[in-house]
PDB file of N, CA and C in Angstrom:
ATOM      1  N   UNK A   1     -13.283  -2.558  17.799  1.00  0.00           N
ATOM      2  CA  UNK A   1     -12.820  -2.906  17.569  1.00  0.00           C
ATOM      3  C   UNK A   1     -13.762  -4.191  16.169  1.00  0.00           C
ATOM      4  N   UNK A   2     -13.991  -4.168  14.518  1.00  0.00           N
ATOM      5  CA  UNK A   2     -14.577  -4.863  14.141  1.00  0.00           C
ATOM      6  C   UNK A   2     -14.338  -6.677  14.057  1.00  0.00           C
ATOM      7  N   UNK A   3     -14.863  -7.708  14.332  1.00  0.00           N
ATOM      8  CA  UNK A   3     -14.202  -8.709  14.375  1.00  0.00           C
ATOM      9  C   UNK A   3     -13.480  -9.362  13.122  1.00  0.00           C
ATOM     10  N   UNK A   4     -13.857  -8.609  12.070  1.00  0.00           N
ATOM     11  CA  UNK A   4     -12.848  -9.033  10.615  1.00  0.00           C
ATOM     12  C   UNK A   4     -11.203  -8.082  11.027  1.00  0.00           C
ATOM     13  N   UNK A   5     -11.593  -7.103  11.855  1.00  0.00           N
ATOM     14  CA  UNK A   5      -9.882  -6.140  12.025  1.00  0.00           C
ATOM     15  C   UNK A   5      -9.129  -7.574  12.686  1.00  0.00           C
ATOM     16  N   UNK A   6      -9.700  -8.431  13.313  1.00  0.00           N
ATOM     17  CA  UNK A   6      -8.804  -9.602  14.204  1.00  0.00           C
ATOM     18  C   UNK A   6      -8.162 -10.838  13.021  1.00  0.00           C
ATOM     19  N   UNK A   7      -8.870 -11.101  12.243  1.00  0.00           N
ATOM     20  CA  UNK A   7      -8.512 -11.895  10.468  1.00  0.00           C
ATOM     21  C   UNK A   7      -6.671 -11.411  10.113  1.00  0.00           C
ATOM     22  N   UNK A   8      -5.986 -12.715  10.593  1.00  0.00           N
ATOM     23  CA  UNK A   8      -4.568 -12.839  10.076  1.00  0.00           C
ATOM     24  C   UNK A   8      -4.702 -11.875   8.568  1.00  0.00           C
ATOM     25  N   UNK A   9      -5.765 -12.540   6.969  1.00  0.00           N
ATOM     26  CA  UNK A   9      -5.314 -11.762   5.927  1.00  0.00           C
ATOM     27  C   UNK A   9      -5.452  -9.780   6.408  1.00  0.00           C
ATOM     28  N   UNK A  10      -7.022  -9.648   7.151  1.00  0.00           N
ATOM     29  CA  UNK A  10      -6.636  -7.958   7.043  1.00  0.00           C
ATOM     30  C   UNK A  10      -5.318  -7.255   7.691  1.00  0.00           C
ATOM     31  N   UNK A  11      -5.053  -8.718   8.169  1.00  0.00           N
ATOM     32  CA  UNK A  11      -3.835  -7.235   9.067  1.00  0.00           C
ATOM     33  C   UNK A  11      -2.433  -7.589   8.145  1.00  0.00           C
ATOM     34  N   UNK A  12      -2.765  -8.687   7.489  1.00  0.00           N
ATOM     35  CA  UNK A  12      -1.428  -9.156   5.891  1.00  0.00           C
ATOM     36  C   UNK A  12      -1.789  -8.009   5.027  1.00  0.00           C
ATOM     37  N   UNK A  13      -3.102  -7.459   4.935  1.00  0.00           N
ATOM     38  CA  UNK A  13      -3.468  -6.797   4.128  1.00  0.00           C
ATOM     39  C   UNK A  13      -2.807  -5.334   4.327  1.00  0.00           C
ATOM     40  N   UNK A  14      -3.126  -4.606   5.510  1.00  0.00           N
ATOM     41  CA  UNK A  14      -2.863  -3.684   5.950  1.00  0.00           C
ATOM     42  C   UNK A  14      -1.243  -3.332   5.802  1.00  0.00           C
ATOM     43  N   UNK A  15      -0.723  -4.644   6.437  1.00  0.00           N
ATOM     44  CA  UNK A  15       0.649  -4.549   6.323  1.00  0.00           C
ATOM     45  C   UNK A  15       1.784  -4.378   4.633  1.00  0.00           C
ATOM     46  N   UNK A  16       0.777  -5.580   4.184  1.00  0.00           N
ATOM     47  CA  UNK A  16       0.941  -4.989   2.266  1.00  0.00           C
ATOM     48  C   UNK A  16       0.584  -3.737   1.542  1.00  0.00           C
ATOM     49  N   UNK A  17       0.069  -2.829   2.133  1.00  0.00           N
ATOM     50  CA  UNK A  17      -0.516  -1.293   1.858  1.00  0.00           C
ATOM     51  C   UNK A  17       0.709  -0.202   2.249  1.00  0.00           C
ATOM     52  N   UNK A  18       0.955  -0.689   3.728  1.00  0.00           N
ATOM     53  CA  UNK A  18       1.732   0.435   4.462  1.00  0.00           C
ATOM     54  C   UNK A  18       3.451   0.236   3.241  1.00  0.00           C
ATOM     55  N   UNK A  19       3.844  -1.166   3.186  1.00  0.00           N
ATOM     56  CA  UNK A  19       4.480  -1.220   2.379  1.00  0.00           C
ATOM     57  C   UNK A  19       4.752  -0.627   1.051  1.00  0.00           C
ATOM     58  N   UNK A  20       3.321  -1.028  -0.375  1.00  0.00           N
ATOM     59  CA  UNK A  20       3.305  -0.161  -0.763  1.00  0.00           C
ATOM     60  C   UNK A  20       3.562   0.761  -1.203  1.00  0.00           C
ATOM     61  N   UNK A  21       2.768   2.015  -0.149  1.00  0.00           N
ATOM     62  CA  UNK A  21       3.444   3.134   0.272  1.00  0.00           C
ATOM     63  C   UNK A  21       5.214   4.014   0.365  1.00  0.00           C
ATOM     64  N   UNK A  22       5.537   2.684   1.652  1.00  0.00           N
ATOM     65  CA  UNK A  22       7.387   2.880   1.321  1.00  0.00           C
ATOM     66  C   UNK A  22       7.828   2.831   0.054  1.00  0.00           C
ATOM     67  N   UNK A  23       7.857   1.307  -0.495  1.00  0.00           N
ATOM     68  CA  UNK A  23       8.275   2.030  -2.053  1.00  0.00           C
ATOM     69  C   UNK A  23       8.251   2.807  -3.258  1.00  0.00           C
ATOM     70  N   UNK A  24       6.725   3.281  -2.366  1.00  0.00           N
ATOM     71  CA  UNK A  24       6.230   4.390  -3.236  1.00  0.00           C
ATOM     72  C   UNK A  24       6.756   5.753  -3.116  1.00  0.00           C
ATOM     73  N   UNK A  25       7.438   5.749  -1.911  1.00  0.00           N
ATOM     74  CA  UNK A  25       7.845   6.922  -1.577  1.00  0.00           C
ATOM     75  C   UNK A  25       9.507   7.336  -1.985  1.00  0.00           C
ATOM     76  N   UNK A  26       9.804   6.426  -2.534  1.00  0.00           N
ATOM     77  CA  UNK A  26      11.548   5.871  -2.857  1.00  0.00           C
ATOM     78  C   UNK A  26      11.109   5.865  -4.366  1.00  0.00           C
ATOM     79  N   UNK A  27      10.695   6.147  -4.943  1.00  0.00           N
ATOM     80  CA  UNK A  27      10.411   6.231  -6.353  1.00  0.00           C
ATOM     81  C   UNK A  27      10.824   7.418  -6.995  1.00  0.00           C
ATOM     82  N   UNK A  28      11.343   7.406  -8.172  1.00  0.00           N
ATOM     83  CA  UNK A  28      12.870   8.975  -8.154  1.00  0.00           C
ATOM     84  C   UNK A  28      10.948  10.261  -8.722  1.00  0.00           C
ATOM     85  N   UNK A  29      11.046  10.832  -7.911  1.00  0.00           N
ATOM     86  CA  UNK A  29       9.910  12.081  -8.708  1.00  0.00           C
ATOM     87  C   UNK A  29       9.179  12.020 -10.174  1.00  0.00           C
ATOM     88  N   UNK A  30       9.662  11.988 -11.224  1.00  0.00           N
ATOM     89  CA  UNK A  30       9.985  11.890 -12.430  1.00  0.00           C
ATOM     90  C   UNK A  30       9.035  10.416 -12.682  1.00  0.00           C
ATOM     91  N   UNK A  31       8.061   9.838 -11.120  1.00  0.00           N
ATOM     92  CA  UNK A  31       7.563   8.217 -11.588  1.00  0.00           C
ATOM     93  C   UNK A  31       6.330   8.670 -10.653  1.00  0.00           C
ATOM     94  N   UNK A  32       5.954  10.102 -10.057  1.00  0.00           N
ATOM     95  CA  UNK A  32       5.346  10.555  -9.334  1.00  0.00           C
ATOM     96  C   UNK A  32       3.796  10.071  -9.651  1.00  0.00           C
ATOM     97  N   UNK A  33       3.365  10.878 -11.064  1.00  0.00           N
ATOM     98  CA  UNK A  33       2.097  10.638 -11.678  1.00  0.00           C
ATOM     99  C   UNK A  33       2.030   9.177 -12.480  1.00  0.00           C
ATOM    100  N   UNK A  34       3.042   8.191 -12.774  1.00  0.00           N
ATOM    101  CA  UNK A  34       3.067   7.207 -13.403  1.00  0.00           C
ATOM    102  C   UNK A  34       3.163   5.623 -12.463  1.00  0.00           C
ATOM    103  N   UNK A  35       4.233   5.423 -12.182  1.00  0.00           N
ATOM    104  CA  UNK A  35       4.193   4.391 -11.568  1.00  0.00           C
ATOM    105  C   UNK A  35       3.839   4.215 -10.473  1.00  0.00           C
ATOM    106  N   UNK A  36       4.195   5.490  -9.419  1.00  0.00           N
ATOM    107  CA  UNK A  36       4.266   5.355  -8.030  1.00  0.00           C
ATOM    108  C   UNK A  36       2.408   5.220  -7.734  1.00  0.00           C
ATOM    109  N   UNK A  37       1.459   6.264  -8.328  1.00  0.00           N
ATOM    110  CA  UNK A  37       0.108   6.615  -8.304  1.00  0.00           C
ATOM    111  C   UNK A  37      -0.154   5.298  -8.827  1.00  0.00           C
ATOM    112  N   UNK A  38       0.611   4.366  -9.623  1.00  0.00           N
ATOM    113  CA  UNK A  38      -0.435   2.424 -10.518  1.00  0.00           C
ATOM    114  C   UNK A  38      -0.297   1.921  -8.731  1.00  0.00           C
ATOM    115  N   UNK A  39       0.993   2.050  -8.159  1.00  0.00           N
ATOM    116  CA  UNK A  39       1.713   1.134  -7.604  1.00  0.00           C
ATOM    117  C   UNK A  39       0.352   0.987  -6.139  1.00  0.00           C
ATOM    118  N   UNK A  40       0.731   2.533  -5.668  1.00  0.00           N
ATOM    119  CA  UNK A  40      -0.455   2.698  -4.553  1.00  0.00           C
ATOM    120  C   UNK A  40      -1.899   2.909  -5.386  1.00  0.00           C
ATOM    121  N   UNK A  41      -2.690   2.959  -6.425  1.00  0.00           N
ATOM    122  CA  UNK A  41      -4.061   2.371  -6.235  1.00  0.00           C
ATOM    123  C   UNK A  41      -4.391   1.524  -5.893  1.00  0.00           C
ATOM    124  N   UNK A  42      -2.825   0.242  -6.919  1.00  0.00           N
ATOM    125  CA  UNK A  42      -3.580  -1.144  -6.782  1.00  0.00           C
ATOM    126  C   UNK A  42      -4.138  -1.833  -5.225  1.00  0.00           C
ATOM    127  N   UNK A  43      -2.531  -0.857  -4.313  1.00  0.00           N
ATOM    128  CA  UNK A  43      -2.431  -1.094  -3.097  1.00  0.00           C
ATOM    129  C   UNK A  43      -3.940  -0.678  -2.739  1.00  0.00           C
ATOM    130  N   UNK A  44      -4.114  -0.141  -2.612  1.00  0.00           N
ATOM    131  CA  UNK A  44      -6.132   0.588  -1.538  1.00  0.00           C
ATOM    132  C   UNK A  44      -7.142  -0.052  -2.211  1.00  0.00           C
TER     133      UNK A  44
END
């Protein structure tokens, strides 16, 4: 484990990314290449 992986901000960021993927998976298929892709890119 790297030192930064113990930081709370790092752990919160990973949780944020998971949340964005969950939200993206709930969007309709019509948003697959619009809002969903922007949301995922912004989270990464």
